[in-house]
Amino acid sequence: GEKNGVKDVSIISGDEARELEPNL
């Protein structure tokens, strides 16, 4: 993604993902 110029790409933990989407 970064090589193709996509901005704001990051890897987050499972807990951080569930903070964004509690139904995960």
mmCIF file of all heavy atoms, coordinates in Angstrom:
data_MODEL
# 
_entry.id   MODEL 
# 
loop_
_atom_site.group_PDB 
_atom_site.id 
_atom_site.type_symbol 
_atom_site.label_atom_id 
_atom_site.label_alt_id 
_atom_site.label_comp_id 
_atom_site.label_asym_id 
_atom_site.label_entity_id 
_atom_site.label_seq_id 
_atom_site.pdbx_PDB_ins_code 
_atom_site.Cartn_x 
_atom_site.Cartn_y 
_atom_site.Cartn_z 
_atom_site.occupancy 
_atom_site.B_iso_or_equiv 
_atom_site.pdbx_formal_charge 
_atom_site.auth_seq_id 
_atom_site.auth_comp_id 
_atom_site.auth_asym_id 
_atom_site.auth_atom_id 
_atom_site.pdbx_PDB_model_num 
ATOM 1   N N   . GLY A 1 1  ? 0.814   -1.210 0.000  1.00 0.00 ? 1  GLY A N   1 
ATOM 2   C CA  . GLY A 1 1  ? 0.000   0.000  0.000  1.00 0.00 ? 1  GLY A CA  1 
ATOM 3   C C   . GLY A 1 1  ? 0.842   1.253  0.000  1.00 0.00 ? 1  GLY A C   1 
ATOM 4   O O   . GLY A 1 1  ? 0.606   2.189  -0.766 1.00 0.00 ? 1  GLY A O   1 
ATOM 5   N N   . GLU A 1 2  ? 1.857   1.265  0.862  1.00 0.00 ? 2  GLU A N   1 
ATOM 6   C CA  . GLU A 1 2  ? 2.744   2.435  0.950  1.00 0.00 ? 2  GLU A CA  1 
ATOM 7   C C   . GLU A 1 2  ? 3.518   2.621  -0.348 1.00 0.00 ? 2  GLU A C   1 
ATOM 8   O O   . GLU A 1 2  ? 3.726   3.761  -0.788 1.00 0.00 ? 2  GLU A O   1 
ATOM 9   C CB  . GLU A 1 2  ? 3.691   2.261  2.132  1.00 0.00 ? 2  GLU A CB  1 
ATOM 10  C CG  . GLU A 1 2  ? 2.973   2.340  3.482  1.00 0.00 ? 2  GLU A CG  1 
ATOM 11  C CD  . GLU A 1 2  ? 3.883   1.995  4.655  1.00 0.00 ? 2  GLU A CD  1 
ATOM 12  O OE1 . GLU A 1 2  ? 4.923   1.324  4.424  1.00 0.00 ? 2  GLU A OE1 1 
ATOM 13  O OE2 . GLU A 1 2  ? 3.556   2.382  5.787  1.00 0.00 ? 2  GLU A OE2 1 
ATOM 14  N N   . LYS A 1 3  ? 3.925   1.512  -0.963 1.00 0.00 ? 3  LYS A N   1 
ATOM 15  C CA  . LYS A 1 3  ? 4.656   1.586  -2.228 1.00 0.00 ? 3  LYS A CA  1 
ATOM 16  C C   . LYS A 1 3  ? 3.779   2.171  -3.330 1.00 0.00 ? 3  LYS A C   1 
ATOM 17  O O   . LYS A 1 3  ? 4.252   2.879  -4.218 1.00 0.00 ? 3  LYS A O   1 
ATOM 18  C CB  . LYS A 1 3  ? 5.143   0.194  -2.631 1.00 0.00 ? 3  LYS A CB  1 
ATOM 19  C CG  . LYS A 1 3  ? 6.006   0.176  -3.886 1.00 0.00 ? 3  LYS A CG  1 
ATOM 20  C CD  . LYS A 1 3  ? 6.487   -1.234 -4.183 1.00 0.00 ? 3  LYS A CD  1 
ATOM 21  C CE  . LYS A 1 3  ? 7.349   -1.247 -5.440 1.00 0.00 ? 3  LYS A CE  1 
ATOM 22  N NZ  . LYS A 1 3  ? 7.833   -2.631 -5.759 1.00 0.00 ? 3  LYS A NZ  1 
ATOM 23  N N   . ASN A 1 4  ? 2.480   1.892  -3.237 1.00 0.00 ? 4  ASN A N   1 
ATOM 24  C CA  . ASN A 1 4  ? 1.535   2.405  -4.231 1.00 0.00 ? 4  ASN A CA  1 
ATOM 25  C C   . ASN A 1 4  ? 1.003   3.796  -3.893 1.00 0.00 ? 4  ASN A C   1 
ATOM 26  O O   . ASN A 1 4  ? 0.117   4.311  -4.567 1.00 0.00 ? 4  ASN A O   1 
ATOM 27  C CB  . ASN A 1 4  ? 0.355   1.439  -4.382 1.00 0.00 ? 4  ASN A CB  1 
ATOM 28  C CG  . ASN A 1 4  ? 0.748   0.143  -5.052 1.00 0.00 ? 4  ASN A CG  1 
ATOM 29  O OD1 . ASN A 1 4  ? 1.696   0.102  -5.834 1.00 0.00 ? 4  ASN A OD1 1 
ATOM 30  N ND2 . ASN A 1 4  ? 0.034   -0.931 -4.756 1.00 0.00 ? 4  ASN A ND2 1 
ATOM 31  N N   . GLY A 1 5  ? 1.547   4.394  -2.837 1.00 0.00 ? 5  GLY A N   1 
ATOM 32  C CA  . GLY A 1 5  ? 1.179   5.757  -2.502 1.00 0.00 ? 5  GLY A CA  1 
ATOM 33  C C   . GLY A 1 5  ? -0.042  5.912  -1.609 1.00 0.00 ? 5  GLY A C   1 
ATOM 34  O O   . GLY A 1 5  ? -0.579  7.017  -1.474 1.00 0.00 ? 5  GLY A O   1 
ATOM 35  N N   . VAL A 1 6  ? -0.501  4.810  -0.993 1.00 0.00 ? 6  VAL A N   1 
ATOM 36  C CA  . VAL A 1 6  ? -1.658  4.896  -0.096 1.00 0.00 ? 6  VAL A CA  1 
ATOM 37  C C   . VAL A 1 6  ? -1.213  5.513  1.227  1.00 0.00 ? 6  VAL A C   1 
ATOM 38  O O   . VAL A 1 6  ? -0.255  5.059  1.852  1.00 0.00 ? 6  VAL A O   1 
ATOM 39  C CB  . VAL A 1 6  ? -2.268  3.504  0.161  1.00 0.00 ? 6  VAL A CB  1 
ATOM 40  C CG1 . VAL A 1 6  ? -3.459  3.614  1.117  1.00 0.00 ? 6  VAL A CG1 1 
ATOM 41  C CG2 . VAL A 1 6  ? -2.691  2.857  -1.152 1.00 0.00 ? 6  VAL A CG2 1 
ATOM 42  N N   . LYS A 1 7  ? -1.915  6.551  1.677  1.00 0.00 ? 7  LYS A N   1 
ATOM 43  C CA  . LYS A 1 7  ? -1.548  7.246  2.907  1.00 0.00 ? 7  LYS A CA  1 
ATOM 44  C C   . LYS A 1 7  ? -2.296  6.687  4.113  1.00 0.00 ? 7  LYS A C   1 
ATOM 45  O O   . LYS A 1 7  ? -3.345  6.072  3.975  1.00 0.00 ? 7  LYS A O   1 
ATOM 46  C CB  . LYS A 1 7  ? -1.839  8.742  2.761  1.00 0.00 ? 7  LYS A CB  1 
ATOM 47  C CG  . LYS A 1 7  ? -1.049  9.423  1.645  1.00 0.00 ? 7  LYS A CG  1 
ATOM 48  C CD  . LYS A 1 7  ? -1.408  10.894 1.554  1.00 0.00 ? 7  LYS A CD  1 
ATOM 49  C CE  . LYS A 1 7  ? -0.634  11.580 0.435  1.00 0.00 ? 7  LYS A CE  1 
ATOM 50  N NZ  . LYS A 1 7  ? -1.002  13.016 0.309  1.00 0.00 ? 7  LYS A NZ  1 
ATOM 51  N N   . ASP A 1 8  ? -1.746  6.921  5.288  1.00 0.00 ? 8  ASP A N   1 
ATOM 52  C CA  . ASP A 1 8  ? -2.392  6.547  6.557  1.00 0.00 ? 8  ASP A CA  1 
ATOM 53  C C   . ASP A 1 8  ? -2.745  5.071  6.626  1.00 0.00 ? 8  ASP A C   1 
ATOM 54  O O   . ASP A 1 8  ? -3.873  4.683  6.934  1.00 0.00 ? 8  ASP A O   1 
ATOM 55  C CB  . ASP A 1 8  ? -3.658  7.383  6.784  1.00 0.00 ? 8  ASP A CB  1 
ATOM 56  C CG  . ASP A 1 8  ? -3.334  8.851  7.031  1.00 0.00 ? 8  ASP A CG  1 
ATOM 57  O OD1 . ASP A 1 8  ? -2.282  9.129  7.620  1.00 0.00 ? 8  ASP A OD1 1 
ATOM 58  O OD2 . ASP A 1 8  ? -4.143  9.702  6.631  1.00 0.00 ? 8  ASP A OD2 1 
ATOM 59  N N   . VAL A 1 9  ? -1.759  4.217  6.329  1.00 0.00 ? 9  VAL A N   1 
ATOM 60  C CA  . VAL A 1 9  ? -1.936  2.763  6.461  1.00 0.00 ? 9  VAL A CA  1 
ATOM 61  C C   . VAL A 1 9  ? -1.130  2.309  7.671  1.00 0.00 ? 9  VAL A C   1 
ATOM 62  O O   . VAL A 1 9  ? 0.058   2.618  7.790  1.00 0.00 ? 9  VAL A O   1 
ATOM 63  C CB  . VAL A 1 9  ? -1.454  2.014  5.206  1.00 0.00 ? 9  VAL A CB  1 
ATOM 64  C CG1 . VAL A 1 9  ? -1.681  0.517  5.363  1.00 0.00 ? 9  VAL A CG1 1 
ATOM 65  C CG2 . VAL A 1 9  ? -2.195  2.514  3.974  1.00 0.00 ? 9  VAL A CG2 1 
ATOM 66  N N   . SER A 1 10 ? -1.759  1.568  8.566  1.00 0.00 ? 10 SER A N   1 
ATOM 67  C CA  . SER A 1 10 ? -1.055  1.133  9.772  1.00 0.00 ? 10 SER A CA  1 
ATOM 68  C C   . SER A 1 10 ? -1.574  -0.220 10.234 1.00 0.00 ? 10 SER A C   1 
ATOM 69  O O   . SER A 1 10 ? -2.678  -0.644 9.868  1.00 0.00 ? 10 SER A O   1 
ATOM 70  C CB  . SER A 1 10 ? -1.226  2.162  10.902 1.00 0.00 ? 10 SER A CB  1 
ATOM 71  O OG  . SER A 1 10 ? -2.606  2.313  11.224 1.00 0.00 ? 10 SER A OG  1 
ATOM 72  N N   . ILE A 1 11 ? -0.771  -0.892 11.047 1.00 0.00 ? 11 ILE A N   1 
ATOM 73  C CA  . ILE A 1 11 ? -1.175  -2.165 11.640 1.00 0.00 ? 11 ILE A CA  1 
ATOM 74  C C   . ILE A 1 11 ? -1.497  -1.919 13.104 1.00 0.00 ? 11 ILE A C   1 
ATOM 75  O O   . ILE A 1 11 ? -0.695  -1.336 13.844 1.00 0.00 ? 11 ILE A O   1 
ATOM 76  C CB  . ILE A 1 11 ? -0.073  -3.224 11.496 1.00 0.00 ? 11 ILE A CB  1 
ATOM 77  C CG1 . ILE A 1 11 ? 0.118   -3.575 10.017 1.00 0.00 ? 11 ILE A CG1 1 
ATOM 78  C CG2 . ILE A 1 11 ? -0.429  -4.484 12.286 1.00 0.00 ? 11 ILE A CG2 1 
ATOM 79  C CD1 . ILE A 1 11 ? 1.228   -4.573 9.755  1.00 0.00 ? 11 ILE A CD1 1 
ATOM 80  N N   . ILE A 1 12 ? -2.685  -2.341 13.512 1.00 0.00 ? 12 ILE A N   1 
ATOM 81  C CA  . ILE A 1 12 ? -3.122  -2.138 14.886 1.00 0.00 ? 12 ILE A CA  1 
ATOM 82  C C   . ILE A 1 12 ? -3.400  -3.479 15.547 1.00 0.00 ? 12 ILE A C   1 
ATOM 83  O O   . ILE A 1 12 ? -3.551  -4.506 14.872 1.00 0.00 ? 12 ILE A O   1 
ATOM 84  C CB  . ILE A 1 12 ? -4.386  -1.246 14.951 1.00 0.00 ? 12 ILE A CB  1 
ATOM 85  C CG1 . ILE A 1 12 ? -5.544  -1.904 14.198 1.00 0.00 ? 12 ILE A CG1 1 
ATOM 86  C CG2 . ILE A 1 12 ? -4.091  0.139  14.381 1.00 0.00 ? 12 ILE A CG2 1 
ATOM 87  C CD1 . ILE A 1 12 ? -6.839  -1.114 14.262 1.00 0.00 ? 12 ILE A CD1 1 
ATOM 88  N N   . SER A 1 13 ? -3.452  -3.490 16.855 1.00 0.00 ? 13 SER A N   1 
ATOM 89  C CA  . SER A 1 13 ? -3.701  -4.732 17.593 1.00 0.00 ? 13 SER A CA  1 
ATOM 90  C C   . SER A 1 13 ? -5.178  -5.120 17.521 1.00 0.00 ? 13 SER A C   1 
ATOM 91  O O   . SER A 1 13 ? -6.033  -4.327 17.116 1.00 0.00 ? 13 SER A O   1 
ATOM 92  C CB  . SER A 1 13 ? -3.300  -4.548 19.054 1.00 0.00 ? 13 SER A CB  1 
ATOM 93  O OG  . SER A 1 13 ? -4.183  -3.635 19.698 1.00 0.00 ? 13 SER A OG  1 
ATOM 94  N N   . GLY A 1 14 ? -5.466  -6.346 17.940 1.00 0.00 ? 14 GLY A N   1 
ATOM 95  C CA  . GLY A 1 14 ? -6.853  -6.795 17.981 1.00 0.00 ? 14 GLY A CA  1 
ATOM 96  C C   . GLY A 1 14 ? -7.700  -5.938 18.900 1.00 0.00 ? 14 GLY A C   1 
ATOM 97  O O   . GLY A 1 14 ? -8.845  -5.604 18.579 1.00 0.00 ? 14 GLY A O   1 
ATOM 98  N N   . ASP A 1 15 ? -7.140  -5.550 20.054 1.00 0.00 ? 15 ASP A N   1 
ATOM 99  C CA  . ASP A 1 15 ? -7.879  -4.705 20.992 1.00 0.00 ? 15 ASP A CA  1 
ATOM 100 C C   . ASP A 1 15 ? -8.173  -3.332 20.382 1.00 0.00 ? 15 ASP A C   1 
ATOM 101 O O   . ASP A 1 15 ? -9.274  -2.779 20.557 1.00 0.00 ? 15 ASP A O   1 
ATOM 102 C CB  . ASP A 1 15 ? -7.092  -4.536 22.298 1.00 0.00 ? 15 ASP A CB  1 
ATOM 103 C CG  . ASP A 1 15 ? -7.060  -5.822 23.118 1.00 0.00 ? 15 ASP A CG  1 
ATOM 104 O OD1 . ASP A 1 15 ? -7.957  -6.667 22.922 1.00 0.00 ? 15 ASP A OD1 1 
ATOM 105 O OD2 . ASP A 1 15 ? -6.133  -5.969 23.939 1.00 0.00 ? 15 ASP A OD2 1 
ATOM 106 N N   . GLU A 1 16 ? -7.195  -2.781 19.669 1.00 0.00 ? 16 GLU A N   1 
ATOM 107 C CA  . GLU A 1 16 ? -7.407  -1.481 19.024 1.00 0.00 ? 16 GLU A CA  1 
ATOM 108 C C   . GLU A 1 16 ? -8.467  -1.586 17.938 1.00 0.00 ? 16 GLU A C   1 
ATOM 109 O O   . GLU A 1 16 ? -9.278  -0.674 17.753 1.00 0.00 ? 16 GLU A O   1 
ATOM 110 C CB  . GLU A 1 16 ? -6.092  -0.981 18.435 1.00 0.00 ? 16 GLU A CB  1 
ATOM 111 C CG  . GLU A 1 16 ? -5.078  -0.550 19.489 1.00 0.00 ? 16 GLU A CG  1 
ATOM 112 C CD  . GLU A 1 16 ? -3.734  -0.222 18.891 1.00 0.00 ? 16 GLU A CD  1 
ATOM 113 O OE1 . GLU A 1 16 ? -3.305  -0.920 17.946 1.00 0.00 ? 16 GLU A OE1 1 
ATOM 114 O OE2 . GLU A 1 16 ? -3.089  0.743  19.366 1.00 0.00 ? 16 GLU A OE2 1 
ATOM 115 N N   . ALA A 1 17 ? -8.463  -2.714 17.230 1.00 0.00 ? 17 ALA A N   1 
ATOM 116 C CA  . ALA A 1 17 ? -9.473  -2.923 16.191 1.00 0.00 ? 17 ALA A CA  1 
ATOM 117 C C   . ALA A 1 17 ? -10.870 -3.005 16.805 1.00 0.00 ? 17 ALA A C   1 
ATOM 118 O O   . ALA A 1 17 ? -11.839 -2.458 16.268 1.00 0.00 ? 17 ALA A O   1 
ATOM 119 C CB  . ALA A 1 17 ? -9.171  -4.196 15.405 1.00 0.00 ? 17 ALA A CB  1 
ATOM 120 N N   . ARG A 1 18 ? -10.971 -3.682 17.962 1.00 0.00 ? 18 ARG A N   1 
ATOM 121 C CA  . ARG A 1 18 ? -12.279 -3.807 18.621 1.00 0.00 ? 18 ARG A CA  1 
ATOM 122 C C   . ARG A 1 18 ? -12.740 -2.485 19.228 1.00 0.00 ? 18 ARG A C   1 
ATOM 123 O O   . ARG A 1 18 ? -13.940 -2.269 19.408 1.00 0.00 ? 18 ARG A O   1 
ATOM 124 C CB  . ARG A 1 18 ? -12.224 -4.919 19.677 1.00 0.00 ? 18 ARG A CB  1 
ATOM 125 C CG  . ARG A 1 18 ? -12.407 -6.320 19.074 1.00 0.00 ? 18 ARG A CG  1 
ATOM 126 C CD  . ARG A 1 18 ? -12.380 -7.396 20.134 1.00 0.00 ? 18 ARG A CD  1 
ATOM 127 N NE  . ARG A 1 18 ? -11.034 -7.607 20.647 1.00 0.00 ? 18 ARG A NE  1 
ATOM 128 C CZ  . ARG A 1 18 ? -10.124 -8.395 20.071 1.00 0.00 ? 18 ARG A CZ  1 
ATOM 129 N NH1 . ARG A 1 18 ? -10.428 -9.053 18.959 1.00 0.00 ? 18 ARG A NH1 1 
ATOM 130 N NH2 . ARG A 1 18 ? -8.928  -8.545 20.597 1.00 0.00 ? 18 ARG A NH2 1 
ATOM 131 N N   . GLU A 1 19 ? -11.806 -1.594 19.529 1.00 0.00 ? 19 GLU A N   1 
ATOM 132 C CA  . GLU A 1 19 ? -12.208 -0.261 19.992 1.00 0.00 ? 19 GLU A CA  1 
ATOM 133 C C   . GLU A 1 19 ? -12.902 0.499  18.855 1.00 0.00 ? 19 GLU A C   1 
ATOM 134 O O   . GLU A 1 19 ? -13.832 1.271  19.091 1.00 0.00 ? 19 GLU A O   1 
ATOM 135 C CB  . GLU A 1 19 ? -10.984 0.518  20.470 1.00 0.00 ? 19 GLU A CB  1 
ATOM 136 C CG  . GLU A 1 19 ? -10.447 0.042  21.819 1.00 0.00 ? 19 GLU A CG  1 
ATOM 137 C CD  . GLU A 1 19 ? -9.249  0.858  22.266 1.00 0.00 ? 19 GLU A CD  1 
ATOM 138 O OE1 . GLU A 1 19 ? -8.966  1.894  21.611 1.00 0.00 ? 19 GLU A OE1 1 
ATOM 139 O OE2 . GLU A 1 19 ? -8.598  0.485  23.250 1.00 0.00 ? 19 GLU A OE2 1 
ATOM 140 N N   . LEU A 1 20 ? -12.423 0.252  17.630 1.00 0.00 ? 20 LEU A N   1 
ATOM 141 C CA  . LEU A 1 20 ? -13.036 0.891  16.466 1.00 0.00 ? 20 LEU A CA  1 
ATOM 142 C C   . LEU A 1 20 ? -14.338 0.198  16.083 1.00 0.00 ? 20 LEU A C   1 
ATOM 143 O O   . LEU A 1 20 ? -15.320 0.845  15.715 1.00 0.00 ? 20 LEU A O   1 
ATOM 144 C CB  . LEU A 1 20 ? -12.074 0.857  15.275 1.00 0.00 ? 20 LEU A CB  1 
ATOM 145 C CG  . LEU A 1 20 ? -10.773 1.644  15.414 1.00 0.00 ? 20 LEU A CG  1 
ATOM 146 C CD1 . LEU A 1 20 ? -9.870  1.390  14.221 1.00 0.00 ? 20 LEU A CD1 1 
ATOM 147 C CD2 . LEU A 1 20 ? -11.056 3.137  15.550 1.00 0.00 ? 20 LEU A CD2 1 
ATOM 148 N N   . GLU A 1 21 ? -14.345 -1.131 16.166 1.00 0.00 ? 21 GLU A N   1 
ATOM 149 C CA  . GLU A 1 21 ? -15.508 -1.937 15.798 1.00 0.00 ? 21 GLU A CA  1 
ATOM 150 C C   . GLU A 1 21 ? -15.770 -2.975 16.894 1.00 0.00 ? 21 GLU A C   1 
ATOM 151 O O   . GLU A 1 21 ? -15.270 -4.099 16.842 1.00 0.00 ? 21 GLU A O   1 
ATOM 152 C CB  . GLU A 1 21 ? -15.269 -2.650 14.454 1.00 0.00 ? 21 GLU A CB  1 
ATOM 153 C CG  . GLU A 1 21 ? -15.099 -1.724 13.277 1.00 0.00 ? 21 GLU A CG  1 
ATOM 154 C CD  . GLU A 1 21 ? -16.398 -1.027 12.891 1.00 0.00 ? 21 GLU A CD  1 
ATOM 155 O OE1 . GLU A 1 21 ? -17.467 -1.414 13.420 1.00 0.00 ? 21 GLU A OE1 1 
ATOM 156 O OE2 . GLU A 1 21 ? -16.351 -0.090 12.082 1.00 0.00 ? 21 GLU A OE2 1 
ATOM 157 N N   . PRO A 1 22 ? -16.545 -2.631 17.910 1.00 0.00 ? 22 PRO A N   1 
ATOM 158 C CA  . PRO A 1 22 ? -16.779 -3.516 19.057 1.00 0.00 ? 22 PRO A CA  1 
ATOM 159 C C   . PRO A 1 22 ? -17.381 -4.877 18.697 1.00 0.00 ? 22 PRO A C   1 
ATOM 160 O O   . PRO A 1 22 ? -17.256 -5.826 19.469 1.00 0.00 ? 22 PRO A O   1 
ATOM 161 C CB  . PRO A 1 22 ? -17.751 -2.706 19.934 1.00 0.00 ? 22 PRO A CB  1 
ATOM 162 C CG  . PRO A 1 22 ? -17.479 -1.283 19.570 1.00 0.00 ? 22 PRO A CG  1 
ATOM 163 C CD  . PRO A 1 22 ? -17.176 -1.306 18.113 1.00 0.00 ? 22 PRO A CD  1 
ATOM 164 N N   . ASN A 1 23 ? -18.024 -4.999 17.546 1.00 0.00 ? 23 ASN A N   1 
ATOM 165 C CA  . ASN A 1 23 ? -18.642 -6.267 17.178 1.00 0.00 ? 23 ASN A CA  1 
ATOM 166 C C   . ASN A 1 23 ? -17.682 -7.240 16.500 1.00 0.00 ? 23 ASN A C   1 
ATOM 167 O O   . ASN A 1 23 ? -18.094 -8.327 16.090 1.00 0.00 ? 23 ASN A O   1 
ATOM 168 C CB  . ASN A 1 23 ? -19.846 -6.021 16.262 1.00 0.00 ? 23 ASN A CB  1 
ATOM 169 C CG  . ASN A 1 23 ? -21.017 -5.433 17.027 1.00 0.00 ? 23 ASN A CG  1 
ATOM 170 O OD1 . ASN A 1 23 ? -21.384 -5.916 18.095 1.00 0.00 ? 23 ASN A OD1 1 
ATOM 171 N ND2 . ASN A 1 23 ? -21.588 -4.371 16.502 1.00 0.00 ? 23 ASN A ND2 1 
ATOM 172 N N   . LEU A 1 24 ? -16.416 -6.874 16.399 1.00 0.00 ? 24 LEU A N   1 
ATOM 173 C CA  . LEU A 1 24 ? -15.440 -7.790 15.822 1.00 0.00 ? 24 LEU A CA  1 
ATOM 174 C C   . LEU A 1 24 ? -15.238 -8.999 16.733 1.00 0.00 ? 24 LEU A C   1 
ATOM 175 O O   . LEU A 1 24 ? -15.372 -8.916 17.953 1.00 0.00 ? 24 LEU A O   1 
ATOM 176 C CB  . LEU A 1 24 ? -14.091 -7.090 15.615 1.00 0.00 ? 24 LEU A CB  1 
ATOM 177 C CG  . LEU A 1 24 ? -13.985 -6.094 14.455 1.00 0.00 ? 24 LEU A CG  1 
ATOM 178 C CD1 . LEU A 1 24 ? -12.580 -5.504 14.418 1.00 0.00 ? 24 LEU A CD1 1 
ATOM 179 C CD2 . LEU A 1 24 ? -14.322 -6.753 13.132 1.00 0.00 ? 24 LEU A CD2 1 
# 
